[in-house]
Protein backbone atom coordinates (compact mmCIF):
# COMPACT_ATOMS: atom_id res chain seq x y z
CA MET A 1 -12.68 -9.06 5.64
CA SER A 2 -14.06 -7.46 8.49
CA HIS A 3 -10.87 -8.90 10.87
CA GLU A 4 -8.21 -7.98 8.32
CA ILE A 5 -9.40 -4.47 8.23
CA ARG A 6 -9.89 -4.11 11.90
CA THR A 7 -6.57 -5.89 12.89
CA PRO A 8 -4.25 -2.74 10.80
CA LEU A 9 -7.42 -0.29 11.98
CA ASN A 10 -6.76 -0.89 15.47
CA ALA A 11 -2.65 -0.44 15.18
CA ILE A 12 -3.18 2.84 13.60
CA GLU A 13 -5.79 4.18 16.12
CA GLY A 14 -4.11 2.65 18.73
CA PHE A 15 -0.16 4.16 17.99
CA SER A 16 -2.14 7.23 17.02
CA ARG A 17 -2.99 7.57 20.60
CA VAL A 18 0.13 5.96 22.30
CA ILE A 19 2.71 8.39 19.93
CA ALA A 20 1.77 11.85 22.30
CA GLU A 21 2.30 10.15 25.46
CA THR A 22 6.09 9.41 24.69
CA ASP A 23 8.67 12.01 24.60
CA ASP A 24 11.41 9.76 23.52
CA PRO A 25 12.08 10.20 19.88
CA ASP A 26 13.39 6.89 19.22
CA GLU A 27 9.96 5.21 20.30
CA ARG A 28 8.07 7.86 18.24
CA MET A 29 9.58 6.34 15.06
CA HIS A 30 9.52 3.51 16.17
CA TYR A 31 5.87 4.00 16.74
CA LEU A 32 5.22 5.81 13.47
CA ASP A 33 7.13 2.97 11.52
CA ILE A 34 4.04 0.56 12.75
CA ILE A 35 1.43 3.19 11.97
CA GLU A 36 3.32 3.47 8.61
CA SER A 37 3.45 -0.33 8.09
CA ASN A 38 -0.07 -0.68 9.18
CA SER A 39 -1.44 2.21 7.34
CA ASN A 40 -0.05 0.54 3.95
CA ARG A 41 -1.54 -2.58 4.71
CA LEU A 42 -5.17 -1.17 5.23
CA SER A 43 -4.55 0.86 2.17
CA VAL A 44 -4.04 -2.55 -0.01
CA LEU A 45 -6.55 -3.88 1.32
CA VAL A 46 -9.14 -1.63 0.49
CA ASN A 47 -7.69 -1.54 -3.19
CA GLU A 48 -7.90 -5.58 -2.94
CA ILE A 49 -11.89 -5.10 -1.93
CA LEU A 50 -12.35 -3.06 -4.44
CA ASP A 51 -10.43 -4.86 -6.87
CA LEU A 52 -12.43 -8.21 -5.84
CA SER A 53 -14.59 -8.91 -8.98
CA LYS A 54 -11.56 -8.63 -11.31
CA VAL A 55 -9.18 -11.05 -9.36
CA GLU A 56 -11.60 -13.67 -8.77
CA GLN A 57 -11.97 -13.45 -12.81
CA GLY A 58 -8.22 -13.75 -12.88
CA ASP A 59 -8.01 -9.82 -14.80
CA ILE A 60 -5.10 -8.83 -11.82
CA THR A 61 -3.49 -5.71 -12.54
CA ILE A 62 0.43 -6.18 -12.11
CA ASN A 63 2.38 -2.69 -10.72
CA LEU A 64 6.06 -4.10 -11.17
CA ALA A 65 8.45 -1.30 -9.02
CA ASN A 66 12.30 -2.05 -7.33
CA THR A 67 11.46 -3.31 -4.34
CA ASP A 68 13.90 -3.59 -1.03
CA LEU A 69 13.16 -7.51 0.11
CA THR A 70 13.80 -7.21 3.56
CA THR A 71 12.34 -4.13 4.35
CA MET A 72 9.05 -5.58 2.56
CA CYS A 73 8.92 -8.82 4.64
CA MET A 74 9.84 -6.48 8.15
CA GLU A 75 6.87 -4.63 7.29
CA ILE A 76 5.09 -7.92 7.06
CA LYS A 77 5.88 -8.47 10.76
CA ASN A 78 4.77 -5.27 11.81
CA VAL A 79 1.22 -5.65 10.11
CA PHE A 80 1.15 -9.30 12.27
CA ARG A 81 2.79 -8.60 15.25
CA PHE A 82 -0.71 -8.10 16.64
CA ARG A 83 -2.18 -10.99 15.49
CA VAL A 84 0.35 -13.22 17.07
CA SER A 85 -1.53 -15.65 20.03
CA GLU A 86 0.47 -16.87 22.79
CA GLY A 87 2.55 -19.71 22.83
CA VAL A 88 3.24 -18.71 18.75
CA LYS A 89 6.50 -17.04 17.96
CA MET A 90 7.03 -15.58 14.29
CA VAL A 91 10.17 -15.37 12.94
CA VAL A 92 11.70 -13.92 9.50
CA GLU A 93 14.73 -15.85 7.74
CA LYS A 94 16.11 -13.48 4.97
CA PRO A 95 19.49 -12.89 3.41
CA SER A 96 22.19 -10.52 5.37
CA HIS A 97 22.72 -8.35 2.96
CA GLU A 98 20.32 -6.31 0.74
CA VAL A 99 18.28 -7.54 -1.78
CA TYR A 100 16.43 -5.71 -4.65
CA MET A 101 13.82 -7.37 -6.99
CA MET A 102 11.79 -6.00 -9.79
CA THR A 103 8.07 -7.03 -8.79
CA ASP A 104 4.92 -5.85 -7.73
CA LYS A 105 5.31 -5.36 -3.85
CA ASN A 106 1.25 -4.69 -2.77
CA ARG A 107 1.13 -8.24 -4.46
CA ILE A 108 3.58 -10.07 -2.58
CA ILE A 109 2.55 -9.14 0.23
CA GLN A 110 -0.70 -10.22 -0.85
CA VAL A 111 0.26 -13.54 -0.73
CA PHE A 112 2.44 -13.50 2.06
CA SER A 113 -0.66 -12.36 3.99
CA ASN A 114 -2.95 -14.93 2.35
CA LEU A 115 -0.48 -17.72 4.27
CA ILE A 116 0.86 -16.25 7.47
CA SER A 117 -3.33 -15.66 8.13
CA ASN A 118 -3.34 -19.42 7.35
CA ALA A 119 -0.77 -20.46 9.22
CA LEU A 120 -2.47 -18.04 12.62
CA LYS A 121 -5.21 -19.85 11.86
CA HIS A 122 -3.80 -23.51 12.54
CA THR A 123 -0.99 -23.24 14.84
CA VAL A 124 -1.60 -23.13 18.25
CA ARG A 125 1.55 -23.85 19.48
CA GLY A 126 5.32 -23.19 17.82
CA THR A 127 6.86 -21.01 14.74
CA ILE A 128 5.56 -19.47 12.36
CA THR A 129 8.62 -18.59 9.74
CA PHE A 130 8.60 -16.51 6.79
CA GLY A 131 10.99 -14.89 4.60
CA TYR A 132 12.85 -15.12 1.59
CA ARG A 133 16.28 -16.92 0.47
CA LEU A 134 18.19 -16.95 -3.15
CA THR A 135 18.85 -20.34 -4.59
CA ASP A 136 20.30 -21.85 -7.81
CA ASN A 137 23.60 -19.91 -7.93
CA ASP A 138 21.44 -16.44 -7.34
CA THR A 139 19.39 -16.79 -10.20
CA LYS A 140 15.89 -17.85 -8.47
CA VAL A 141 14.01 -15.94 -4.91
CA LYS A 142 12.27 -18.06 -3.50
CA PHE A 143 9.56 -17.00 -0.48
CA PHE A 144 8.43 -19.43 2.18
CA VAL A 145 5.86 -19.47 5.00
CA SER A 146 6.49 -22.47 7.07
CA ASP A 147 4.30 -23.07 10.36
CA THR A 148 4.28 -25.83 13.23
CA GLY A 149 0.71 -26.43 12.78
CA GLU A 150 -1.86 -29.02 12.67
CA GLY A 151 -0.99 -29.73 8.74
CA ILE A 152 -2.77 -31.04 5.96
CA LYS A 153 -3.96 -33.92 5.34
CA PRO A 154 -2.39 -36.24 2.18
CA GLU A 155 -5.75 -36.77 0.54
CA ASP A 156 -6.20 -32.59 0.65
CA LEU A 157 -2.73 -31.68 -0.71
CA GLY A 158 -3.89 -32.01 -4.49
CA GLN A 159 -6.74 -29.61 -4.05
CA ILE A 160 -5.21 -27.22 -1.71
CA PHE A 161 -5.20 -24.67 -4.32
CA GLU A 162 -9.07 -25.12 -5.62
CA LEU A 163 -11.37 -22.35 -5.91
CA TYR A 164 -14.03 -22.40 -2.86
CA VAL A 165 -17.16 -25.00 -3.28
CA SER A 166 -19.93 -23.66 -1.16
CA GLY A 167 -21.73 -24.72 2.14
CA ASP A 168 -24.39 -26.50 0.46
CA GLU A 169 -22.37 -28.69 -1.45
CA ASN A 170 -20.57 -29.56 1.28
CA LYS A 171 -23.58 -30.76 2.59
CA THR A 172 -24.41 -32.75 -0.18
CA GLY A 173 -21.19 -34.63 0.27
CA SER A 174 -19.36 -32.72 -2.78
CA LYS A 175 -14.82 -32.17 -1.82
CA LYS A 176 -14.53 -29.75 0.26
CA GLY A 177 -13.00 -26.34 -0.78
CA PHE A 178 -10.32 -23.79 0.88
CA GLY A 179 -11.70 -20.56 0.55
CA LEU A 180 -10.43 -18.07 -1.82
CA GLY A 181 -6.96 -17.42 -0.38
CA LEU A 182 -5.34 -19.76 -1.76
CA PRO A 183 -6.24 -19.78 -4.82
CA LEU A 184 -6.09 -16.40 -5.36
CA SER A 185 -2.64 -16.57 -4.00
CA LYS A 186 -1.48 -18.72 -6.57
CA MET A 187 -3.43 -17.24 -9.74
CA ILE A 188 -1.11 -13.70 -8.22
CA VAL A 189 2.05 -16.17 -8.14
CA ASP A 190 1.40 -17.26 -12.00
CA LYS A 191 0.66 -14.12 -12.97
CA LEU A 192 4.18 -12.20 -11.81
CA GLY A 193 6.08 -15.80 -13.71
CA GLY A 194 6.43 -17.87 -10.96
CA GLU A 195 5.78 -21.18 -9.33
CA MET A 196 3.26 -22.01 -5.66
CA ASN A 197 4.04 -25.41 -3.93
CA VAL A 198 2.99 -26.80 -0.72
CA GLU A 199 4.42 -29.21 1.20
CA SER A 200 3.09 -30.69 4.75
CA ASN A 201 3.30 -33.39 7.22
CA TYR A 202 -0.05 -34.06 8.79
CA GLY A 203 -0.01 -33.29 12.08
CA GLU A 204 3.69 -31.16 12.34
CA GLY A 205 3.45 -28.19 9.48
CA THR A 206 2.95 -27.37 6.63
CA THR A 207 5.29 -24.85 4.56
CA PHE A 208 4.35 -22.88 1.55
CA THR A 209 6.62 -21.48 -1.55
CA PHE A 210 6.50 -19.15 -4.64
CA THR A 211 9.29 -18.91 -6.14
CA PHE A 212 10.78 -16.58 -9.17
CA PRO A 213 13.34 -15.90 -11.52
CA TYR A 214 15.92 -13.12 -9.90
CA LYS A 215 17.98 -10.90 -11.70
CA ASN A 216 20.01 -8.29 -9.09
CA THR A 217 18.42 -4.81 -9.45
CA ASN A 218 20.08 -3.10 -6.56
CA SER A 219 21.81 -0.58 -8.76
CA GLN A 220 18.01 0.54 -9.48
CA ARG A 221 16.77 2.00 -5.98
CA ASP A 222 15.48 5.28 -6.10
CA ALA A 223 14.14 7.62 -3.72
CA SER A 224 10.96 6.44 -3.37
CA LEU A 225 12.66 3.99 -1.38
CA ARG A 226 14.10 5.83 1.19
CA THR A 227 12.37 5.33 4.64
CA VAL A 228 10.42 8.12 6.57
CA THR A 229 12.75 9.57 8.98
CA ASN A 230 14.65 10.74 6.12
CA THR A 231 11.38 12.58 4.33
CA ILE A 232 9.00 13.78 6.30
CA ARG A 233 11.09 16.30 8.55
CA VAL A 234 11.92 19.16 6.46
CA ASP A 235 13.58 23.08 7.23
CA ALA A 236 10.82 26.40 7.12
CA VAL A 237 11.19 28.46 4.44
CA ALA A 238 10.77 32.16 4.90
CA GLU A 239 8.11 33.51 4.77
CA SER A 240 9.10 35.42 2.07
CA GLN A 241 10.40 32.86 -0.29
CA LYS A 242 7.26 30.75 0.00
CA LYS A 243 5.75 29.87 -3.37
CA LEU A 244 1.65 30.11 -3.44
CA ILE A 245 -0.55 26.79 -3.07
CA LEU A 246 -4.32 27.17 -3.84
CA VAL A 247 -5.96 23.80 -2.22
CA ALA A 248 -9.40 23.44 -3.63
CA GLU A 249 -10.29 20.54 -0.71
CA ASP A 250 -13.72 20.42 0.73
CA SER A 251 -13.25 18.34 3.96
CA ASP A 252 -11.72 19.95 6.46
CA ASN A 253 -10.14 17.35 7.82
CA ASN A 254 -8.18 16.87 4.68
CA TYR A 255 -7.18 20.21 4.36
CA GLU A 256 -6.00 20.14 7.68
CA LEU A 257 -3.32 17.36 6.67
CA VAL A 258 -2.22 18.54 3.78
CA ARG A 259 -1.60 22.38 5.58
CA ILE A 260 0.05 20.94 8.18
CA VAL A 261 2.16 19.01 5.68
CA LEU A 262 2.90 21.89 3.31
CA GLU A 263 2.76 24.82 5.25
CA LYS A 264 6.36 25.33 6.34
CA LEU A 265 7.64 24.83 2.87
CA TYR A 266 4.44 27.08 1.01
CA LYS A 267 1.81 29.81 1.33
CA LEU A 268 -1.48 28.17 1.35
CA VAL A 269 -5.13 29.25 0.25
CA ARG A 270 -7.94 27.12 0.85
CA ALA A 271 -11.08 26.58 -1.63
CA LYS A 272 -14.19 24.45 -0.53
CA ASP A 273 -15.71 23.93 -3.76
CA GLY A 274 -14.68 23.74 -7.87
CA ILE A 275 -16.51 27.88 -8.05
CA GLU A 276 -14.38 29.26 -5.25
CA ALA A 277 -11.39 27.64 -6.43
CA VAL A 278 -11.94 29.26 -10.25
CA THR A 279 -12.53 32.29 -8.14
CA LEU A 280 -9.28 32.46 -6.33
CA ASN A 281 -7.36 31.65 -8.74
CA GLU A 282 -8.30 34.62 -10.68
CA GLU A 283 -7.64 37.05 -8.23
CA LEU A 284 -4.54 35.39 -6.24
CA ASN A 285 -2.71 33.80 -9.73
CA PRO A 286 -1.10 30.58 -7.46
CA ASP A 287 2.10 28.59 -8.46
CA LEU A 288 0.35 25.31 -8.41
CA ILE A 289 -2.78 24.05 -7.38
CA LEU A 290 -3.97 20.85 -5.73
CA MET A 291 -7.34 20.01 -7.17
CA ASP A 292 -9.73 17.55 -5.34
CA MET A 293 -11.95 15.81 -8.24
CA LYS A 294 -15.08 15.53 -6.10
CA MET A 295 -16.40 18.69 -4.43
CA PRO A 296 -19.84 20.60 -4.27
CA ASN A 297 -21.20 23.41 -6.28
CA MET A 298 -18.39 22.46 -9.05
CA ASP A 299 -16.46 19.22 -9.26
CA GLY A 300 -12.26 19.40 -9.81
CA ILE A 301 -13.07 18.70 -13.76
CA ASP A 302 -15.07 21.12 -14.41
CA ALA A 303 -12.97 23.62 -12.61
CA THR A 304 -9.59 22.23 -13.90
CA ASN A 305 -11.32 22.71 -17.30
CA ILE A 306 -12.33 26.95 -16.80
CA ILE A 307 -8.68 27.46 -15.63
CA LYS A 308 -6.92 25.76 -18.07
CA GLU A 309 -8.66 27.36 -20.73
CA VAL A 310 -7.62 31.04 -19.22
CA TYR A 311 -4.04 30.15 -17.57
CA PRO A 312 -3.03 27.36 -19.83
CA ASP A 313 0.44 27.09 -18.21
CA THR A 314 -0.61 26.85 -14.41
CA PRO A 315 0.27 23.19 -13.17
CA ILE A 316 -2.72 21.83 -11.24
CA ILE A 317 -2.11 18.39 -10.05
CA ALA A 318 -5.63 16.27 -9.49
CA LEU A 319 -5.29 15.17 -5.43
CA SER A 320 -7.88 12.67 -5.61
CA ALA A 321 -9.54 9.68 -3.58
CA TYR A 322 -11.07 8.91 -7.36
CA ALA A 323 -8.23 6.88 -8.14
CA PHE A 324 -9.32 4.29 -10.69
CA ALA A 325 -7.50 4.46 -14.09
CA ALA A 326 -10.83 6.19 -16.03
CA ASP A 327 -10.47 8.95 -13.01
CA VAL A 328 -6.78 9.39 -13.76
CA GLN A 329 -7.05 9.87 -17.14
CA LYS A 330 -10.11 11.97 -17.00
CA ALA A 331 -8.56 14.45 -14.47
CA LYS A 332 -5.49 14.60 -17.07
CA ASP A 333 -8.12 14.79 -19.97
CA ALA A 334 -9.12 18.45 -18.05
CA GLY A 335 -5.29 19.46 -17.63
CA CYS A 336 -3.83 18.18 -14.84
CA ILE A 337 -0.41 17.98 -15.09
CA ASP A 338 -0.56 15.01 -12.64
CA PHE A 339 -2.10 12.96 -9.94
CA LEU A 340 -2.17 12.03 -6.93
CA ALA A 341 -4.47 9.28 -5.06
CA LYS A 342 -5.51 9.63 -1.57
CA PRO A 343 -4.64 8.42 1.12
CA PHE A 344 -0.84 9.73 0.26
CA ARG A 345 2.45 9.72 0.97
CA ILE A 346 4.03 13.28 2.76
CA GLU A 347 6.99 12.64 0.83
CA ASN A 348 5.12 12.10 -2.44
CA LEU A 349 3.03 15.04 -2.25
CA ARG A 350 6.04 17.27 -1.51
CA ALA A 351 7.88 15.82 -4.31
CA MET A 352 5.58 15.97 -6.90
CA ILE A 353 5.25 19.65 -5.75
CA GLU A 354 8.73 20.50 -6.39
CA LYS A 355 8.92 19.34 -9.33
CA TYR A 356 6.06 21.22 -10.77
CA ILE A 357 6.22 24.13 -9.25
CA ARG A 358 8.10 27.27 -10.58
CA LYS A 359 11.26 28.43 -9.37
CA ASP A 360 12.63 32.06 -9.35
């Protein structure tokens, strides 16, 4: 777990410093893509850790969305590019045309990550190839991870997807387990309606495949699939035309991020707790409020309740790291018109504000 967390964190920290040392705009965007890919992976890992007990019990939450499979594979490659040892080459194989699929992108990445991590452990030299292809007259999509590593013994293939067996049991002669990664991957694939298989020649390598029914969804692409280069750069709005946003946020760093993201487009005023948010709303009558849920003195739920009693038409967006389903529902019950979880994407925050703020 420590290794899985530290790997993307290392890329984020390292390239955050490197990006400040280059004047080449193309290099900056390349480094930014790497940072974003690793940030997304770290976010997924945190969610997996928080959700681990549910996953172990088979209670897996599935969130379907239209997914660009090629972009997803390139994001995975960016995450693992720093883990490939010398003598091992990582290759992505994909169709020559765009392929979109309605699936849970984070869960597919989770399966890929488990399989690639295993391949890295057992491949000293050679190639790790992963990607996807359309099969059966484009009615199925087959994902795969193939390596030229040590392979799996024939007697172990039948139990490769069984749950981990404890060390004590191993010492007593019981059959050895293979960890949680492979069983959990199979559980996810099963939950998504797919089928997972493995083929291996001991001493030569292993190939894992997971296959799903496929239906073309290219026509369902939406704005959320746009790349970061088209969405984070904006032109400044004239000061006289800027709407006022009240940002209730006790963390200096979190407020600084919001300020940098929004200051070209809106006037901002900050409240450091719920009491100050209620007071400033009364004094300034902002066009919109971004409300943190956990703050000192008075939390965002109580502050929202008070504000909505007197100003029911003021749009309040919850912006919080408390992001379980129960937290989202609690915020909406208090009167928040929408909810955005931290960490957030810059373009998602801007799009949500544009959706609700008053237009003249």
